[in-house]
Amino acid sequence: GASELTLVLHEVATDGLLPTLGGLLEGRETPSLVRVVIGPEGGISPQELEALTDAGGVPVVLGPHVLRTSSAGPVALALLCGALRWD
């Protein structure tokens, strides 16, 4: 069946998006669907983060700086497209 991956951008995550993606995909086929959850300005609440991880979401950070919601999406998509060799 089709594989899916949900990445949750959250400032308290300890793992980066690219290293996490590389580890998750090692030896596996590229997912047919990748979701990126980006919280509103002010962030995803602890309860929301727990619900997302309970549903299979993987918390990740983009880097050392917390980006605004309007910037986080395009940055995450650019990183994913490069990592998944989208062309």
PDB file of N, CA and C in Angstrom:
ATOM      1  N   GLY A   1       0.818  -1.199   0.000  1.00  0.00           N
ATOM      2  CA  GLY A   1       0.000   0.000   0.000  1.00  0.00           C
ATOM      3  C   GLY A   1       0.848   1.243   0.000  1.00  0.00           C
ATOM      4  N   ALA A   2       0.187   2.344  -0.146  1.00  0.00           N
ATOM      5  CA  ALA A   2       0.871   3.633  -0.196  1.00  0.00           C
ATOM      6  C   ALA A   2       1.380   4.001   1.195  1.00  0.00           C
ATOM      7  N   SER A   3       2.610   4.442   1.252  1.00  0.00           N
ATOM      8  CA  SER A   3       3.161   4.857   2.542  1.00  0.00           C
ATOM      9  C   SER A   3       2.920   6.355   2.726  1.00  0.00           C
ATOM     10  N   GLU A   4       2.726   6.739   3.964  1.00  0.00           N
ATOM     11  CA  GLU A   4       2.477   8.129   4.298  1.00  0.00           C
ATOM     12  C   GLU A   4       3.378   8.533   5.453  1.00  0.00           C
ATOM     13  N   LEU A   5       3.681   9.831   5.518  1.00  0.00           N
ATOM     14  CA  LEU A   5       4.528  10.367   6.568  1.00  0.00           C
ATOM     15  C   LEU A   5       3.963  11.716   6.990  1.00  0.00           C
ATOM     16  N   THR A   6       3.833  11.932   8.294  1.00  0.00           N
ATOM     17  CA  THR A   6       3.378  13.221   8.816  1.00  0.00           C
ATOM     18  C   THR A   6       4.481  13.801   9.686  1.00  0.00           C
ATOM     19  N   LEU A   7       4.963  14.968   9.305  1.00  0.00           N
ATOM     20  CA  LEU A   7       5.986  15.683  10.054  1.00  0.00           C
ATOM     21  C   LEU A   7       5.327  16.866  10.738  1.00  0.00           C
ATOM     22  N   VAL A   8       5.596  17.037  12.022  1.00  0.00           N
ATOM     23  CA  VAL A   8       5.006  18.123  12.805  1.00  0.00           C
ATOM     24  C   VAL A   8       6.125  19.089  13.177  1.00  0.00           C
ATOM     25  N   LEU A   9       6.083  20.296  12.629  1.00  0.00           N
ATOM     26  CA  LEU A   9       7.093  21.292  12.971  1.00  0.00           C
ATOM     27  C   LEU A   9       6.777  21.853  14.349  1.00  0.00           C
ATOM     28  N   HIS A  10       7.735  21.701  15.269  1.00  0.00           N
ATOM     29  CA  HIS A  10       7.510  22.177  16.631  1.00  0.00           C
ATOM     30  C   HIS A  10       8.828  22.579  17.263  1.00  0.00           C
ATOM     31  N   GLU A  11       8.819  23.714  17.924  1.00  0.00           N
ATOM     32  CA  GLU A  11      10.061  24.285  18.460  1.00  0.00           C
ATOM     33  C   GLU A  11      10.695  23.475  19.576  1.00  0.00           C
ATOM     34  N   VAL A  12       9.960  22.587  20.229  1.00  0.00           N
ATOM     35  CA  VAL A  12      10.565  21.785  21.289  1.00  0.00           C
ATOM     36  C   VAL A  12      11.089  20.437  20.789  1.00  0.00           C
ATOM     37  N   ALA A  13      10.866  20.147  19.523  1.00  0.00           N
ATOM     38  CA  ALA A  13      11.397  18.901  18.964  1.00  0.00           C
ATOM     39  C   ALA A  13      12.923  18.950  19.029  1.00  0.00           C
ATOM     40  N   THR A  14      13.531  17.797  19.171  1.00  0.00           N
ATOM     41  CA  THR A  14      14.993  17.746  19.275  1.00  0.00           C
ATOM     42  C   THR A  14      15.651  17.255  17.990  1.00  0.00           C
ATOM     43  N   ASP A  15      14.872  16.719  17.073  1.00  0.00           N
ATOM     44  CA  ASP A  15      15.428  16.173  15.841  1.00  0.00           C
ATOM     45  C   ASP A  15      15.111  17.084  14.659  1.00  0.00           C
ATOM     46  N   GLY A  16      16.114  17.281  13.804  1.00  0.00           N
ATOM     47  CA  GLY A  16      15.938  18.106  12.621  1.00  0.00           C
ATOM     48  C   GLY A  16      15.142  17.395  11.541  1.00  0.00           C
ATOM     49  N   LEU A  17      14.493  18.165  10.682  1.00  0.00           N
ATOM     50  CA  LEU A  17      13.677  17.598   9.615  1.00  0.00           C
ATOM     51  C   LEU A  17      14.491  16.692   8.703  1.00  0.00           C
ATOM     52  N   LEU A  18      15.619  17.171   8.197  1.00  0.00           N
ATOM     53  CA  LEU A  18      16.383  16.361   7.231  1.00  0.00           C
ATOM     54  C   LEU A  18      16.989  15.102   7.845  1.00  0.00           C
ATOM     55  N   PRO A  19      17.643  15.180   9.020  1.00  0.00           N
ATOM     56  CA  PRO A  19      18.147  13.924   9.609  1.00  0.00           C
ATOM     57  C   PRO A  19      17.033  12.941   9.925  1.00  0.00           C
ATOM     58  N   THR A  20      15.904  13.437  10.407  1.00  0.00           N
ATOM     59  CA  THR A  20      14.776  12.560  10.724  1.00  0.00           C
ATOM     60  C   THR A  20      14.247  11.906   9.465  1.00  0.00           C
ATOM     61  N   LEU A  21      14.080  12.690   8.424  1.00  0.00           N
ATOM     62  CA  LEU A  21      13.582  12.154   7.159  1.00  0.00           C
ATOM     63  C   LEU A  21      14.528  11.085   6.625  1.00  0.00           C
ATOM     64  N   GLY A  22      15.822  11.350   6.679  1.00  0.00           N
ATOM     65  CA  GLY A  22      16.797  10.374   6.207  1.00  0.00           C
ATOM     66  C   GLY A  22      16.719   9.073   6.989  1.00  0.00           C
ATOM     67  N   GLY A  23      16.580   9.171   8.305  1.00  0.00           N
ATOM     68  CA  GLY A  23      16.485   7.974   9.134  1.00  0.00           C
ATOM     69  C   GLY A  23      15.205   7.197   8.897  1.00  0.00           C
ATOM     70  N   LEU A  24      14.110   7.916   8.689  1.00  0.00           N
ATOM     71  CA  LEU A  24      12.829   7.246   8.469  1.00  0.00           C
ATOM     72  C   LEU A  24      12.766   6.546   7.116  1.00  0.00           C
ATOM     73  N   LEU A  25      13.477   7.101   6.132  1.00  0.00           N
ATOM     74  CA  LEU A  25      13.384   6.562   4.774  1.00  0.00           C
ATOM     75  C   LEU A  25      14.471   5.548   4.447  1.00  0.00           C
ATOM     76  N   GLU A  26      15.433   5.389   5.351  1.00  0.00           N
ATOM     77  CA  GLU A  26      16.548   4.490   5.078  1.00  0.00           C
ATOM     78  C   GLU A  26      16.040   3.081   4.776  1.00  0.00           C
ATOM     79  N   GLY A  27      16.318   2.626   3.581  1.00  0.00           N
ATOM     80  CA  GLY A  27      15.922   1.289   3.177  1.00  0.00           C
ATOM     81  C   GLY A  27      14.451   1.149   2.837  1.00  0.00           C
ATOM     82  N   ARG A  28      13.730   2.249   2.787  1.00  0.00           N
ATOM     83  CA  ARG A  28      12.302   2.202   2.473  1.00  0.00           C
ATOM     84  C   ARG A  28      12.031   3.041   1.232  1.00  0.00           C
ATOM     85  N   GLU A  29      10.898   2.788   0.612  1.00  0.00           N
ATOM     86  CA  GLU A  29      10.526   3.585  -0.559  1.00  0.00           C
ATOM     87  C   GLU A  29      10.052   4.966  -0.129  1.00  0.00           C
ATOM     88  N   THR A  30      10.140   5.907  -1.052  1.00  0.00           N
ATOM     89  CA  THR A  30       9.679   7.262  -0.791  1.00  0.00           C
ATOM     90  C   THR A  30       8.177   7.242  -0.525  1.00  0.00           C
ATOM     91  N   PRO A  31       7.721   7.928   0.511  1.00  0.00           N
ATOM     92  CA  PRO A  31       6.286   7.941   0.795  1.00  0.00           C
ATOM     93  C   PRO A  31       5.501   8.543  -0.371  1.00  0.00           C
ATOM     94  N   SER A  32       4.304   8.043  -0.570  1.00  0.00           N
ATOM     95  CA  SER A  32       3.459   8.603  -1.618  1.00  0.00           C
ATOM     96  C   SER A  32       2.782   9.881  -1.141  1.00  0.00           C
ATOM     97  N   LEU A  33       2.752  10.089   0.173  1.00  0.00           N
ATOM     98  CA  LEU A  33       2.140  11.282   0.743  1.00  0.00           C
ATOM     99  C   LEU A  33       2.953  11.731   1.945  1.00  0.00           C
ATOM    100  N   VAL A  34       3.349  12.993   1.932  1.00  0.00           N
ATOM    101  CA  VAL A  34       4.037  13.584   3.078  1.00  0.00           C
ATOM    102  C   VAL A  34       3.211  14.779   3.529  1.00  0.00           C
ATOM    103  N   ARG A  35       2.793  14.745   4.784  1.00  0.00           N
ATOM    104  CA  ARG A  35       2.071  15.872   5.372  1.00  0.00           C
ATOM    105  C   ARG A  35       3.053  16.656   6.234  1.00  0.00           C
ATOM    106  N   VAL A  36       2.910  17.978   6.207  1.00  0.00           N
ATOM    107  CA  VAL A  36       3.696  18.836   7.088  1.00  0.00           C
ATOM    108  C   VAL A  36       2.703  19.663   7.893  1.00  0.00           C
ATOM    109  N   VAL A  37       2.716  19.475   9.204  1.00  0.00           N
ATOM    110  CA  VAL A  37       1.821  20.219  10.081  1.00  0.00           C
ATOM    111  C   VAL A  37       2.591  21.422  10.620  1.00  0.00           C
ATOM    112  N   ILE A  38       2.043  22.596  10.357  1.00  0.00           N
ATOM    113  CA  ILE A  38       2.650  23.845  10.806  1.00  0.00           C
ATOM    114  C   ILE A  38       1.616  24.548  11.664  1.00  0.00           C
ATOM    115  N   GLY A  39       1.975  24.839  12.888  1.00  0.00           N
ATOM    116  CA  GLY A  39       1.025  25.460  13.799  1.00  0.00           C
ATOM    117  C   GLY A  39       0.757  26.914  13.454  1.00  0.00           C
ATOM    118  N   PRO A  40      -0.219  27.465  14.122  1.00  0.00           N
ATOM    119  CA  PRO A  40      -0.538  28.881  13.948  1.00  0.00           C
ATOM    120  C   PRO A  40       0.514  29.742  14.643  1.00  0.00           C
ATOM    121  N   GLU A  41       0.468  31.035  14.409  1.00  0.00           N
ATOM    122  CA  GLU A  41       1.327  31.933  15.178  1.00  0.00           C
ATOM    123  C   GLU A  41       1.032  31.662  16.648  1.00  0.00           C
ATOM    124  N   GLY A  42       2.042  31.520  17.446  1.00  0.00           N
ATOM    125  CA  GLY A  42       1.860  31.171  18.857  1.00  0.00           C
ATOM    126  C   GLY A  42       2.117  29.697  19.119  1.00  0.00           C
ATOM    127  N   GLY A  43       2.140  28.892  18.048  1.00  0.00           N
ATOM    128  CA  GLY A  43       2.549  27.510  18.185  1.00  0.00           C
ATOM    129  C   GLY A  43       1.446  26.501  18.428  1.00  0.00           C
ATOM    130  N   ILE A  44       1.861  25.255  18.358  1.00  0.00           N
ATOM    131  CA  ILE A  44       1.005  24.110  18.628  1.00  0.00           C
ATOM    132  C   ILE A  44       1.059  23.856  20.130  1.00  0.00           C
ATOM    133  N   SER A  45      -0.104  23.701  20.752  1.00  0.00           N
ATOM    134  CA  SER A  45      -0.149  23.492  22.203  1.00  0.00           C
ATOM    135  C   SER A  45       0.395  22.099  22.553  1.00  0.00           C
ATOM    136  N   PRO A  46       0.796  21.904  23.804  1.00  0.00           N
ATOM    137  CA  PRO A  46       1.255  20.571  24.212  1.00  0.00           C
ATOM    138  C   PRO A  46       0.201  19.486  23.972  1.00  0.00           C
ATOM    139  N   GLN A  47      -1.058  19.811  24.206  1.00  0.00           N
ATOM    140  CA  GLN A  47      -2.129  18.832  23.988  1.00  0.00           C
ATOM    141  C   GLN A  47      -2.265  18.499  22.498  1.00  0.00           C
ATOM    142  N   GLU A  48      -2.159  19.508  21.647  1.00  0.00           N
ATOM    143  CA  GLU A  48      -2.226  19.276  20.205  1.00  0.00           C
ATOM    144  C   GLU A  48      -1.034  18.445  19.735  1.00  0.00           C
ATOM    145  N   LEU A  49       0.154  18.750  20.258  1.00  0.00           N
ATOM    146  CA  LEU A  49       1.345  17.985  19.892  1.00  0.00           C
ATOM    147  C   LEU A  49       1.191  16.524  20.307  1.00  0.00           C
ATOM    148  N   GLU A  50       0.668  16.295  21.500  1.00  0.00           N
ATOM    149  CA  GLU A  50       0.450  14.927  21.963  1.00  0.00           C
ATOM    150  C   GLU A  50      -0.530  14.185  21.051  1.00  0.00           C
ATOM    151  N   ALA A  51      -1.611  14.847  20.673  1.00  0.00           N
ATOM    152  CA  ALA A  51      -2.594  14.227  19.771  1.00  0.00           C
ATOM    153  C   ALA A  51      -1.983  13.912  18.415  1.00  0.00           C
ATOM    154  N   LEU A  52      -1.170  14.820  17.908  1.00  0.00           N
ATOM    155  CA  LEU A  52      -0.529  14.597  16.606  1.00  0.00           C
ATOM    156  C   LEU A  52       0.471  13.447  16.662  1.00  0.00           C
ATOM    157  N   THR A  53       1.261  13.372  17.726  1.00  0.00           N
ATOM    158  CA  THR A  53       2.226  12.275  17.834  1.00  0.00           C
ATOM    159  C   THR A  53       1.517  10.945  18.091  1.00  0.00           C
ATOM    160  N   ASP A  54       0.433  10.973  18.861  1.00  0.00           N
ATOM    161  CA  ASP A  54      -0.349   9.754  19.080  1.00  0.00           C
ATOM    162  C   ASP A  54      -0.921   9.224  17.769  1.00  0.00           C
ATOM    163  N   ALA A  55      -1.180  10.137  16.824  1.00  0.00           N
ATOM    164  CA  ALA A  55      -1.727   9.757  15.521  1.00  0.00           C
ATOM    165  C   ALA A  55      -0.631   9.388  14.508  1.00  0.00           C
ATOM    166  N   GLY A  56       0.629   9.367  14.986  1.00  0.00           N
ATOM    167  CA  GLY A  56       1.723   8.956  14.109  1.00  0.00           C
ATOM    168  C   GLY A  56       2.587  10.074  13.589  1.00  0.00           C
ATOM    169  N   GLY A  57       2.304  11.301  13.970  1.00  0.00           N
ATOM    170  CA  GLY A  57       3.123  12.431  13.543  1.00  0.00           C
ATOM    171  C   GLY A  57       4.495  12.387  14.184  1.00  0.00           C
ATOM    172  N   VAL A  58       5.485  12.890  13.465  1.00  0.00           N
ATOM    173  CA  VAL A  58       6.865  12.900  13.944  1.00  0.00           C
ATOM    174  C   VAL A  58       7.285  14.357  14.153  1.00  0.00           C
ATOM    175  N   PRO A  59       7.514  14.783  15.410  1.00  0.00           N
ATOM    176  CA  PRO A  59       7.928  16.160  15.658  1.00  0.00           C
ATOM    177  C   PRO A  59       9.353  16.414  15.158  1.00  0.00           C
ATOM    178  N   VAL A  60       9.536  17.538  14.462  1.00  0.00           N
ATOM    179  CA  VAL A  60      10.847  17.914  13.935  1.00  0.00           C
ATOM    180  C   VAL A  60      11.005  19.428  14.011  1.00  0.00           C
ATOM    181  N   VAL A  61      12.247  19.872  13.947  1.00  0.00           N
ATOM    182  CA  VAL A  61      12.562  21.297  13.826  1.00  0.00           C
ATOM    183  C   VAL A  61      13.221  21.524  12.475  1.00  0.00           C
ATOM    184  N   LEU A  62      13.099  22.758  11.987  1.00  0.00           N
ATOM    185  CA  LEU A  62      13.758  23.105  10.719  1.00  0.00           C
ATOM    186  C   LEU A  62      15.208  23.483  10.947  1.00  0.00           C
ATOM    187  N   GLY A  63      15.502  24.038  12.093  1.00  0.00           N
ATOM    188  CA  GLY A  63      16.864  24.478  12.381  1.00  0.00           C
ATOM    189  C   GLY A  63      16.913  25.178  13.721  1.00  0.00           C
ATOM    190  N   PRO A  64      17.953  25.958  13.951  1.00  0.00           N
ATOM    191  CA  PRO A  64      18.150  26.566  15.265  1.00  0.00           C
ATOM    192  C   PRO A  64      17.214  27.736  15.566  1.00  0.00           C
ATOM    193  N   HIS A  65      16.526  28.263  14.562  1.00  0.00           N
ATOM    194  CA  HIS A  65      15.660  29.420  14.756  1.00  0.00           C
ATOM    195  C   HIS A  65      14.199  29.042  14.530  1.00  0.00           C
ATOM    196  N   VAL A  66      13.318  29.596  15.340  1.00  0.00           N
ATOM    197  CA  VAL A  66      11.885  29.394  15.151  1.00  0.00           C
ATOM    198  C   VAL A  66      11.419  30.386  14.091  1.00  0.00           C
ATOM    199  N   LEU A  67      10.809  29.854  13.048  1.00  0.00           N
ATOM    200  CA  LEU A  67      10.331  30.703  11.963  1.00  0.00           C
ATOM    201  C   LEU A  67       8.857  31.024  12.155  1.00  0.00           C
ATOM    202  N   ARG A  68       8.438  32.114  11.561  1.00  0.00           N
ATOM    203  CA  ARG A  68       7.019  32.460  11.564  1.00  0.00           C
ATOM    204  C   ARG A  68       6.282  31.457  10.696  1.00  0.00           C
ATOM    205  N   THR A  69       4.997  31.315  10.938  1.00  0.00           N
ATOM    206  CA  THR A  69       4.171  30.374  10.182  1.00  0.00           C
ATOM    207  C   THR A  69       4.272  30.618   8.685  1.00  0.00           C
ATOM    208  N   SER A  70       4.292  31.884   8.274  1.00  0.00           N
ATOM    209  CA  SER A  70       4.332  32.209   6.845  1.00  0.00           C
ATOM    210  C   SER A  70       5.641  31.786   6.185  1.00  0.00           C
ATOM    211  N   SER A  71       6.714  31.648   6.954  1.00  0.00           N
ATOM    212  CA  SER A  71       8.012  31.234   6.403  1.00  0.00           C
ATOM    213  C   SER A  71       8.271  29.745   6.568  1.00  0.00           C
ATOM    214  N   ALA A  72       7.754  29.158   7.628  1.00  0.00           N
ATOM    215  CA  ALA A  72       8.046  27.760   7.938  1.00  0.00           C
ATOM    216  C   ALA A  72       7.572  26.812   6.842  1.00  0.00           C
ATOM    217  N   GLY A  73       6.398  27.045   6.300  1.00  0.00           N
ATOM    218  CA  GLY A  73       5.855  26.174   5.249  1.00  0.00           C
ATOM    219  C   GLY A  73       6.732  26.119   4.014  1.00  0.00           C
ATOM    220  N   PRO A  74       7.048  27.276   3.420  1.00  0.00           N
ATOM    221  CA  PRO A  74       7.912  27.248   2.236  1.00  0.00           C
ATOM    222  C   PRO A  74       9.296  26.648   2.498  1.00  0.00           C
ATOM    223  N   VAL A  75       9.867  26.914   3.663  1.00  0.00           N
ATOM    224  CA  VAL A  75      11.180  26.345   3.996  1.00  0.00           C
ATOM    225  C   VAL A  75      11.074  24.824   4.109  1.00  0.00           C
ATOM    226  N   ALA A  76      10.063  24.336   4.804  1.00  0.00           N
ATOM    227  CA  ALA A  76       9.883  22.887   4.954  1.00  0.00           C
ATOM    228  C   ALA A  76       9.675  22.220   3.599  1.00  0.00           C
ATOM    229  N   LEU A  77       8.860  22.818   2.748  1.00  0.00           N
ATOM    230  CA  LEU A  77       8.611  22.237   1.426  1.00  0.00           C
ATOM    231  C   LEU A  77       9.871  22.220   0.571  1.00  0.00           C
ATOM    232  N   ALA A  78      10.658  23.279   0.633  1.00  0.00           N
ATOM    233  CA  ALA A  78      11.904  23.309  -0.129  1.00  0.00           C
ATOM    234  C   ALA A  78      12.854  22.206   0.337  1.00  0.00           C
ATOM    235  N   LEU A  79      12.979  22.034   1.656  1.00  0.00           N
ATOM    236  CA  LEU A  79      13.844  20.984   2.187  1.00  0.00           C
ATOM    237  C   LEU A  79      13.345  19.594   1.774  1.00  0.00           C
ATOM    238  N   LEU A  80      12.035  19.385   1.859  1.00  0.00           N
ATOM    239  CA  LEU A  80      11.465  18.088   1.483  1.00  0.00           C
ATOM    240  C   LEU A  80      11.658  17.798   0.003  1.00  0.00           C
ATOM    241  N   CYS A  81      11.422  18.794  -0.833  1.00  0.00           N
ATOM    242  CA  CYS A  81      11.576  18.582  -2.274  1.00  0.00           C
ATOM    243  C   CYS A  81      13.010  18.203  -2.615  1.00  0.00           C
ATOM    244  N   GLY A  82      13.971  18.854  -1.986  1.00  0.00           N
ATOM    245  CA  GLY A  82      15.358  18.510  -2.221  1.00  0.00           C
ATOM    246  C   GLY A  82      15.705  17.141  -1.692  1.00  0.00           C
ATOM    247  N   ALA A  83      15.225  16.820  -0.503  1.00  0.00           N
ATOM    248  CA  ALA A  83      15.546  15.544   0.124  1.00  0.00           C
ATOM    249  C   ALA A  83      14.911  14.382  -0.615  1.00  0.00           C
ATOM    250  N   LEU A  84      13.725  14.590  -1.146  1.00  0.00           N
ATOM    251  CA  LEU A  84      13.016  13.510  -1.838  1.00  0.00           C
ATOM    252  C   LEU A  84      13.315  13.523  -3.335  1.00  0.00           C
ATOM    253  N   ARG A  85      14.221  14.411  -3.745  1.00  0.00           N
ATOM    254  CA  ARG A  85      14.651  14.512  -5.144  1.00  0.00           C
ATOM    255  C   ARG A  85      13.471  14.715  -6.086  1.00  0.00           C
ATOM    256  N   TRP A  86      12.605  15.618  -5.678  1.00  0.00           N
ATOM    257  CA  TRP A  86      11.426  15.956  -6.497  1.00  0.00           C
ATOM    258  C   TRP A  86      11.884  16.806  -7.670  1.00  0.00           C
ATOM    259  N   ASP A  87      11.475  16.435  -8.860  1.00  0.00           N
ATOM    260  CA  ASP A  87      11.833  17.253 -10.023  1.00  0.00           C
ATOM    261  C   ASP A  87      10.715  17.299 -11.025  1.00  0.00           C
TER     262      ASP A  87
END
